[in-house]
Amino acid sequence: MSFIFICFVFYLIGSLPTAYILVKLKHGKNISEEGSGNIGAMNTYDVTDSKSDGIIVLLIDLLKGFIPVIWFVNYSGYDPEMILIPALFLLAGHNFSIWLKFKGGRGLATGAGMLLAVNYSFVVIWLLLYFVLYKLSKNVHIASAVALIILPMTLIVLHGLVFQFTNPALKNSESELTFLFSFCSAVCIIILFKHIEPVLTYLKNKKTINNNIH
């Protein structure tokens, strides 16, 4: 199987709009025109008021990131570290789906699935950072964005601990740190790109409120 074909298939897998399909079939709504317009688990819950629907979307999107990466790393026959490029196509597919005129989700669940397949400690650290930052900021977008910025840098400090949880197929004392840092950074940057608008909107609204108070 050619590498280019794998990248193309990964993009198509990522572009499967789970939330759009579920909300459309079950509730007859176009999620891209409801709530925040985001094609993801949180907006699914907001639009449908159904925790189960939100969880279904979350799990499918997570598996959408996990299964293809696990397959490539362990069974494709290619150098496992070459997963970086197909993985970026996979995440780009979710965030910019060809089926939704290149609209999509913010990539949190799919990105988490990809990180789980490579080194699951990334997701544990990510969640801890998010919850601490959410307690401080009281805003999901600010907490998510800052956690995404900090996450790759924690690898430099905690690499001795993180290495213990790397997928065995990626174990390589000479290049493991470089690969993990590159993979984690690339995933975080793509997800962070989709958080710029909501963060700017939040800051703008907060500034307006403060100006009105004063």
C-alpha atoms as a PDB file:
ATOM      1  CA  MET A   1       0.000   0.000   0.000  1.00  0.00           C
ATOM      2  CA  SER A   2       1.553   3.304  -1.049  1.00  0.00           C
ATOM      3  CA  PHE A   3       2.300   5.942   1.575  1.00  0.00           C
ATOM      4  CA  ILE A   4       0.398   8.617  -0.371  1.00  0.00           C
ATOM      5  CA  PHE A   5      -2.688   6.394  -0.541  1.00  0.00           C
ATOM      6  CA  ILE A   6      -2.499   5.837   3.234  1.00  0.00           C
ATOM      7  CA  CYS A   7      -2.401   9.609   3.809  1.00  0.00           C
ATOM      8  CA  PHE A   8      -5.459  10.013   1.554  1.00  0.00           C
ATOM      9  CA  VAL A   9      -7.387   7.276   3.384  1.00  0.00           C
ATOM     10  CA  PHE A  10      -6.446   8.769   6.752  1.00  0.00           C
ATOM     11  CA  TYR A  11      -7.815  12.138   5.650  1.00  0.00           C
ATOM     12  CA  LEU A  12     -11.106  10.513   4.586  1.00  0.00           C
ATOM     13  CA  ILE A  13     -11.370   8.633   7.886  1.00  0.00           C
ATOM     14  CA  GLY A  14     -10.747  11.832   9.809  1.00  0.00           C
ATOM     15  CA  SER A  15     -13.260  13.766   7.717  1.00  0.00           C
ATOM     16  CA  LEU A  16     -16.134  11.444   8.675  1.00  0.00           C
ATOM     17  CA  PRO A  17     -18.412  13.983  10.454  1.00  0.00           C
ATOM     18  CA  THR A  18     -19.631  11.868  13.364  1.00  0.00           C
ATOM     19  CA  ALA A  19     -21.534  14.620  15.154  1.00  0.00           C
ATOM     20  CA  TYR A  20     -23.158  15.916  11.967  1.00  0.00           C
ATOM     21  CA  ILE A  21     -24.396  12.445  10.965  1.00  0.00           C
ATOM     22  CA  LEU A  22     -25.704  11.510  14.420  1.00  0.00           C
ATOM     23  CA  VAL A  23     -27.511  14.812  15.055  1.00  0.00           C
ATOM     24  CA  LYS A  24     -28.966  14.861  11.543  1.00  0.00           C
ATOM     25  CA  LEU A  25     -30.259  11.287  11.641  1.00  0.00           C
ATOM     26  CA  LYS A  26     -31.483  11.269  15.246  1.00  0.00           C
ATOM     27  CA  HIS A  27     -32.719  14.843  15.690  1.00  0.00           C
ATOM     28  CA  GLY A  28     -33.130  16.210  12.174  1.00  0.00           C
ATOM     29  CA  LYS A  29     -30.860  19.159  12.947  1.00  0.00           C
ATOM     30  CA  ASN A  30     -27.853  20.562  11.119  1.00  0.00           C
ATOM     31  CA  ILE A  31     -25.279  20.863  13.904  1.00  0.00           C
ATOM     32  CA  SER A  32     -23.124  23.181  11.794  1.00  0.00           C
ATOM     33  CA  GLU A  33     -25.960  25.728  12.061  1.00  0.00           C
ATOM     34  CA  GLU A  34     -26.816  25.083  15.708  1.00  0.00           C
ATOM     35  CA  GLY A  35     -25.122  26.174  18.921  1.00  0.00           C
ATOM     36  CA  SER A  36     -21.481  27.068  18.343  1.00  0.00           C
ATOM     37  CA  GLY A  37     -21.561  25.428  14.913  1.00  0.00           C
ATOM     38  CA  ASN A  38     -18.697  23.165  15.975  1.00  0.00           C
ATOM     39  CA  ILE A  39     -18.898  19.567  14.728  1.00  0.00           C
ATOM     40  CA  GLY A  40     -17.919  17.902  17.976  1.00  0.00           C
ATOM     41  CA  ALA A  41     -19.041  16.213  21.162  1.00  0.00           C
ATOM     42  CA  MET A  42     -19.578  19.342  23.263  1.00  0.00           C
ATOM     43  CA  ASN A  43     -21.780  21.049  20.690  1.00  0.00           C
ATOM     44  CA  THR A  44     -23.635  17.770  20.162  1.00  0.00           C
ATOM     45  CA  TYR A  45     -24.539  17.815  23.837  1.00  0.00           C
ATOM     46  CA  ASP A  46     -25.467  21.516  23.744  1.00  0.00           C
ATOM     47  CA  VAL A  47     -27.670  21.095  20.659  1.00  0.00           C
ATOM     48  CA  THR A  48     -29.382  17.822  21.623  1.00  0.00           C
ATOM     49  CA  ASP A  49     -29.307  18.195  25.433  1.00  0.00           C
ATOM     50  CA  SER A  50     -28.372  14.503  25.443  1.00  0.00           C
ATOM     51  CA  LYS A  51     -25.338  13.316  27.403  1.00  0.00           C
ATOM     52  CA  SER A  52     -25.470   9.939  25.671  1.00  0.00           C
ATOM     53  CA  ASP A  53     -25.258  11.558  22.224  1.00  0.00           C
ATOM     54  CA  GLY A  54     -22.305  13.663  23.350  1.00  0.00           C
ATOM     55  CA  ILE A  55     -20.547  10.583  24.740  1.00  0.00           C
ATOM     56  CA  ILE A  56     -21.181   8.592  21.550  1.00  0.00           C
ATOM     57  CA  VAL A  57     -19.633  11.337  19.419  1.00  0.00           C
ATOM     58  CA  LEU A  58     -16.721  11.661  21.852  1.00  0.00           C
ATOM     59  CA  LEU A  59     -15.949   7.930  21.773  1.00  0.00           C
ATOM     60  CA  ILE A  60     -16.276   7.561  17.991  1.00  0.00           C
ATOM     61  CA  ASP A  61     -14.099  10.600  17.343  1.00  0.00           C
ATOM     62  CA  LEU A  62     -11.537   9.300  19.834  1.00  0.00           C
ATOM     63  CA  LEU A  63     -11.458   5.878  18.142  1.00  0.00           C
ATOM     64  CA  LYS A  64     -11.252   7.633  14.778  1.00  0.00           C
ATOM     65  CA  GLY A  65      -7.890   8.950  15.920  1.00  0.00           C
ATOM     66  CA  PHE A  66      -6.736   5.902  17.873  1.00  0.00           C
ATOM     67  CA  ILE A  67      -7.387   2.983  15.507  1.00  0.00           C
ATOM     68  CA  PRO A  68      -5.700   4.307  12.323  1.00  0.00           C
ATOM     69  CA  VAL A  69      -2.583   5.404  14.251  1.00  0.00           C
ATOM     70  CA  ILE A  70      -2.324   2.057  16.079  1.00  0.00           C
ATOM     71  CA  TRP A  71      -2.687   0.235  12.759  1.00  0.00           C
ATOM     72  CA  PHE A  72       0.026   2.269  11.062  1.00  0.00           C
ATOM     73  CA  VAL A  73       2.512   2.089  13.934  1.00  0.00           C
ATOM     74  CA  ASN A  74       2.103  -1.638  14.536  1.00  0.00           C
ATOM     75  CA  TYR A  75       0.929  -3.243  11.293  1.00  0.00           C
ATOM     76  CA  SER A  76       1.535  -1.070   8.214  1.00  0.00           C
ATOM     77  CA  GLY A  77       5.068  -2.246   7.593  1.00  0.00           C
ATOM     78  CA  TYR A  78       6.373   1.324   7.409  1.00  0.00           C
ATOM     79  CA  ASP A  79       8.806   2.863   9.869  1.00  0.00           C
ATOM     80  CA  PRO A  80       6.524   3.633  12.868  1.00  0.00           C
ATOM     81  CA  GLU A  81       7.933   7.153  13.131  1.00  0.00           C
ATOM     82  CA  MET A  82       6.535   7.923   9.679  1.00  0.00           C
ATOM     83  CA  ILE A  83       3.102   8.045  11.331  1.00  0.00           C
ATOM     84  CA  LEU A  84       3.546  11.802  11.808  1.00  0.00           C
ATOM     85  CA  ILE A  85       2.463  12.723   8.264  1.00  0.00           C
ATOM     86  CA  PRO A  86      -0.595  10.402   7.956  1.00  0.00           C
ATOM     87  CA  ALA A  87      -1.643  11.441  11.468  1.00  0.00           C
ATOM     88  CA  LEU A  88      -1.672  15.094  10.466  1.00  0.00           C
ATOM     89  CA  PHE A  89      -3.863  14.245   7.479  1.00  0.00           C
ATOM     90  CA  LEU A  90      -6.171  12.344   9.836  1.00  0.00           C
ATOM     91  CA  LEU A  91      -6.540  15.281  12.223  1.00  0.00           C
ATOM     92  CA  ALA A  92      -6.855  17.778   9.363  1.00  0.00           C
ATOM     93  CA  GLY A  93      -9.676  15.646   7.971  1.00  0.00           C
ATOM     94  CA  HIS A  94     -11.585  15.942  11.230  1.00  0.00           C
ATOM     95  CA  ASN A  95     -11.022  19.676  11.586  1.00  0.00           C
ATOM     96  CA  PHE A  96     -11.574  20.469   7.896  1.00  0.00           C
ATOM     97  CA  SER A  97     -13.954  17.837   6.553  1.00  0.00           C
ATOM     98  CA  ILE A  98     -14.358  17.612   2.790  1.00  0.00           C
ATOM     99  CA  TRP A  99     -17.980  16.530   3.357  1.00  0.00           C
ATOM    100  CA  LEU A 100     -18.825  19.768   5.216  1.00  0.00           C
ATOM    101  CA  LYS A 101     -17.132  22.268   2.892  1.00  0.00           C
ATOM    102  CA  PHE A 102     -14.000  22.051   5.063  1.00  0.00           C
ATOM    103  CA  LYS A 103     -15.779  22.828   8.306  1.00  0.00           C
ATOM    104  CA  GLY A 104     -15.339  20.429  11.192  1.00  0.00           C
ATOM    105  CA  GLY A 105     -14.594  19.939  14.849  1.00  0.00           C
ATOM    106  CA  ARG A 106     -11.762  21.305  16.979  1.00  0.00           C
ATOM    107  CA  GLY A 107      -9.935  17.982  17.060  1.00  0.00           C
ATOM    108  CA  LEU A 108      -9.796  17.431  20.819  1.00  0.00           C
ATOM    109  CA  ALA A 109     -11.210  13.887  20.889  1.00  0.00           C
ATOM    110  CA  THR A 110      -9.529  12.752  17.663  1.00  0.00           C
ATOM    111  CA  GLY A 111      -6.225  14.284  18.743  1.00  0.00           C
ATOM    112  CA  ALA A 112      -6.525  12.561  22.121  1.00  0.00           C
ATOM    113  CA  GLY A 113      -7.061   9.241  20.363  1.00  0.00           C
ATOM    114  CA  MET A 114      -3.928   9.797  18.279  1.00  0.00           C
ATOM    115  CA  LEU A 115      -1.872  10.652  21.356  1.00  0.00           C
ATOM    116  CA  LEU A 116      -3.223   7.602  23.209  1.00  0.00           C
ATOM    117  CA  ALA A 117      -1.963   5.380  20.402  1.00  0.00           C
ATOM    118  CA  VAL A 118       1.542   6.830  20.635  1.00  0.00           C
ATOM    119  CA  ASN A 119       1.944   7.471  24.366  1.00  0.00           C
ATOM    120  CA  TYR A 120      -1.079   7.520  26.647  1.00  0.00           C
ATOM    121  CA  SER A 121       0.639   9.566  29.350  1.00  0.00           C
ATOM    122  CA  PHE A 122       0.216  12.593  27.057  1.00  0.00           C
ATOM    123  CA  VAL A 123      -3.545  12.414  27.508  1.00  0.00           C
ATOM    124  CA  VAL A 124      -3.275  12.042  31.285  1.00  0.00           C
ATOM    125  CA  ILE A 125      -1.001  15.102  31.503  1.00  0.00           C
ATOM    126  CA  TRP A 126      -3.244  17.001  29.066  1.00  0.00           C
ATOM    127  CA  LEU A 127      -6.344  16.341  31.176  1.00  0.00           C
ATOM    128  CA  LEU A 128      -4.577  17.354  34.391  1.00  0.00           C
ATOM    129  CA  LEU A 129      -3.402  20.595  32.789  1.00  0.00           C
ATOM    130  CA  TYR A 130      -6.882  21.286  31.431  1.00  0.00           C
ATOM    131  CA  PHE A 131      -8.669  20.788  34.751  1.00  0.00           C
ATOM    132  CA  VAL A 132      -6.182  22.976  36.648  1.00  0.00           C
ATOM    133  CA  LEU A 133      -6.390  25.714  34.012  1.00  0.00           C
ATOM    134  CA  TYR A 134     -10.178  25.509  33.869  1.00  0.00           C
ATOM    135  CA  LYS A 135     -10.345  26.004  37.631  1.00  0.00           C
ATOM    136  CA  LEU A 136      -8.226  29.124  37.198  1.00  0.00           C
ATOM    137  CA  SER A 137      -9.797  30.584  34.049  1.00  0.00           C
ATOM    138  CA  LYS A 138     -13.390  29.289  34.288  1.00  0.00           C
ATOM    139  CA  ASN A 139     -13.419  29.069  30.474  1.00  0.00           C
ATOM    140  CA  VAL A 140     -13.112  25.855  28.454  1.00  0.00           C
ATOM    141  CA  HIS A 141     -11.474  27.519  25.450  1.00  0.00           C
ATOM    142  CA  ILE A 142      -8.816  29.355  27.460  1.00  0.00           C
ATOM    143  CA  ALA A 143      -8.073  26.195  29.456  1.00  0.00           C
ATOM    144  CA  SER A 144      -7.859  24.074  26.298  1.00  0.00           C
ATOM    145  CA  ALA A 145      -5.640  26.541  24.439  1.00  0.00           C
ATOM    146  CA  VAL A 146      -3.153  27.050  27.260  1.00  0.00           C
ATOM    147  CA  ALA A 147      -3.019  23.309  27.985  1.00  0.00           C
ATOM    148  CA  LEU A 148      -2.218  22.687  24.315  1.00  0.00           C
ATOM    149  CA  ILE A 149       0.639  25.181  24.464  1.00  0.00           C
ATOM    150  CA  ILE A 150       2.109  23.724  27.674  1.00  0.00           C
ATOM    151  CA  LEU A 151       1.689  20.005  26.848  1.00  0.00           C
ATOM    152  CA  PRO A 152       4.646  19.545  24.443  1.00  0.00           C
ATOM    153  CA  MET A 153       6.935  21.450  26.819  1.00  0.00           C
ATOM    154  CA  THR A 154       6.131  19.095  29.707  1.00  0.00           C
ATOM    155  CA  LEU A 155       7.839  16.352  27.711  1.00  0.00           C
ATOM    156  CA  ILE A 156      11.186  18.122  28.125  1.00  0.00           C
ATOM    157  CA  VAL A 157      10.795  18.102  31.918  1.00  0.00           C
ATOM    158  CA  LEU A 158       9.056  14.740  32.331  1.00  0.00           C
ATOM    159  CA  HIS A 159      10.575  12.721  29.466  1.00  0.00           C
ATOM    160  CA  GLY A 160      11.994  10.108  31.852  1.00  0.00           C
ATOM    161  CA  LEU A 161       8.481   9.390  33.124  1.00  0.00           C
ATOM    162  CA  VAL A 162       6.727   9.773  29.755  1.00  0.00           C
ATOM    163  CA  PHE A 163       9.073   7.325  27.991  1.00  0.00           C
ATOM    164  CA  GLN A 164       7.722   4.495  30.160  1.00  0.00           C
ATOM    165  CA  PHE A 165       4.352   4.716  28.411  1.00  0.00           C
ATOM    166  CA  THR A 166       5.462   4.989  24.776  1.00  0.00           C
ATOM    167  CA  ASN A 167       4.010   2.459  22.334  1.00  0.00           C
ATOM    168  CA  PRO A 168       6.638  -0.357  22.233  1.00  0.00           C
ATOM    169  CA  ALA A 169       6.819  -0.094  18.427  1.00  0.00           C
ATOM    170  CA  LEU A 170       8.178   3.444  18.833  1.00  0.00           C
ATOM    171  CA  LYS A 171      10.815   2.667  21.442  1.00  0.00           C
ATOM    172  CA  ASN A 172      14.150   4.074  20.273  1.00  0.00           C
ATOM    173  CA  SER A 173      16.585   5.592  22.730  1.00  0.00           C
ATOM    174  CA  GLU A 174      18.202   7.788  20.071  1.00  0.00           C
ATOM    175  CA  SER A 175      15.145   9.420  18.500  1.00  0.00           C
ATOM    176  CA  GLU A 176      12.250   8.789  20.889  1.00  0.00           C
ATOM    177  CA  LEU A 177      12.342  12.246  22.489  1.00  0.00           C
ATOM    178  CA  THR A 178      12.563  14.010  19.116  1.00  0.00           C
ATOM    179  CA  PHE A 179       9.693  11.990  17.673  1.00  0.00           C
ATOM    180  CA  LEU A 180       7.413  12.354  20.692  1.00  0.00           C
ATOM    181  CA  PHE A 181       8.030  16.092  20.910  1.00  0.00           C
ATOM    182  CA  SER A 182       7.410  16.540  17.158  1.00  0.00           C
ATOM    183  CA  PHE A 183       4.272  14.399  17.157  1.00  0.00           C
ATOM    184  CA  CYS A 184       2.775  16.015  20.251  1.00  0.00           C
ATOM    185  CA  SER A 185       3.632  19.541  19.050  1.00  0.00           C
ATOM    186  CA  ALA A 186       2.139  18.983  15.591  1.00  0.00           C
ATOM    187  CA  VAL A 187      -1.107  17.608  17.033  1.00  0.00           C
ATOM    188  CA  CYS A 188      -1.366  20.476  19.531  1.00  0.00           C
ATOM    189  CA  ILE A 189      -0.708  23.141  16.870  1.00  0.00           C
ATOM    190  CA  ILE A 190      -3.464  21.865  14.568  1.00  0.00           C
ATOM    191  CA  ILE A 191      -5.957  21.689  17.440  1.00  0.00           C
ATOM    192  CA  LEU A 192      -4.831  25.072  18.766  1.00  0.00           C
ATOM    193  CA  PHE A 193      -5.533  26.646  15.378  1.00  0.00           C
ATOM    194  CA  LYS A 194      -9.247  25.858  15.814  1.00  0.00           C
ATOM    195  CA  HIS A 195      -9.255  27.474  19.274  1.00  0.00           C
ATOM    196  CA  ILE A 196      -7.996  30.888  18.169  1.00  0.00           C
ATOM    197  CA  GLU A 197     -11.442  32.228  17.211  1.00  0.00           C
ATOM    198  CA  PRO A 198     -13.319  31.184  20.383  1.00  0.00           C
ATOM    199  CA  VAL A 199     -10.467  32.464  22.579  1.00  0.00           C
ATOM    200  CA  LEU A 200     -10.435  35.845  20.815  1.00  0.00           C
ATOM    201  CA  THR A 201     -14.235  36.044  21.068  1.00  0.00           C
ATOM    202  CA  TYR A 202     -14.079  35.314  24.807  1.00  0.00           C
ATOM    203  CA  LEU A 203     -11.385  37.947  25.383  1.00  0.00           C
ATOM    204  CA  LYS A 204     -13.292  40.505  23.319  1.00  0.00           C
ATOM    205  CA  ASN A 205     -16.518  39.878  25.256  1.00  0.00           C
ATOM    206  CA  LYS A 206     -14.665  40.030  28.564  1.00  0.00           C
ATOM    207  CA  LYS A 207     -13.084  43.346  27.611  1.00  0.00           C
ATOM    208  CA  THR A 208     -16.500  44.744  26.616  1.00  0.00           C
ATOM    209  CA  ILE A 209     -17.996  43.687  29.949  1.00  0.00           C
ATOM    210  CA  ASN A 210     -15.108  45.249  31.892  1.00  0.00           C
ATOM    211  CA  ASN A 211     -15.436  48.495  29.931  1.00  0.00           C
ATOM    212  CA  ASN A 212     -19.173  48.612  30.655  1.00  0.00           C
ATOM    213  CA  ILE A 213     -18.536  48.076  34.353  1.00  0.00           C
ATOM    214  CA  HIS A 214     -16.019  50.905  34.497  1.00  0.00           C
END
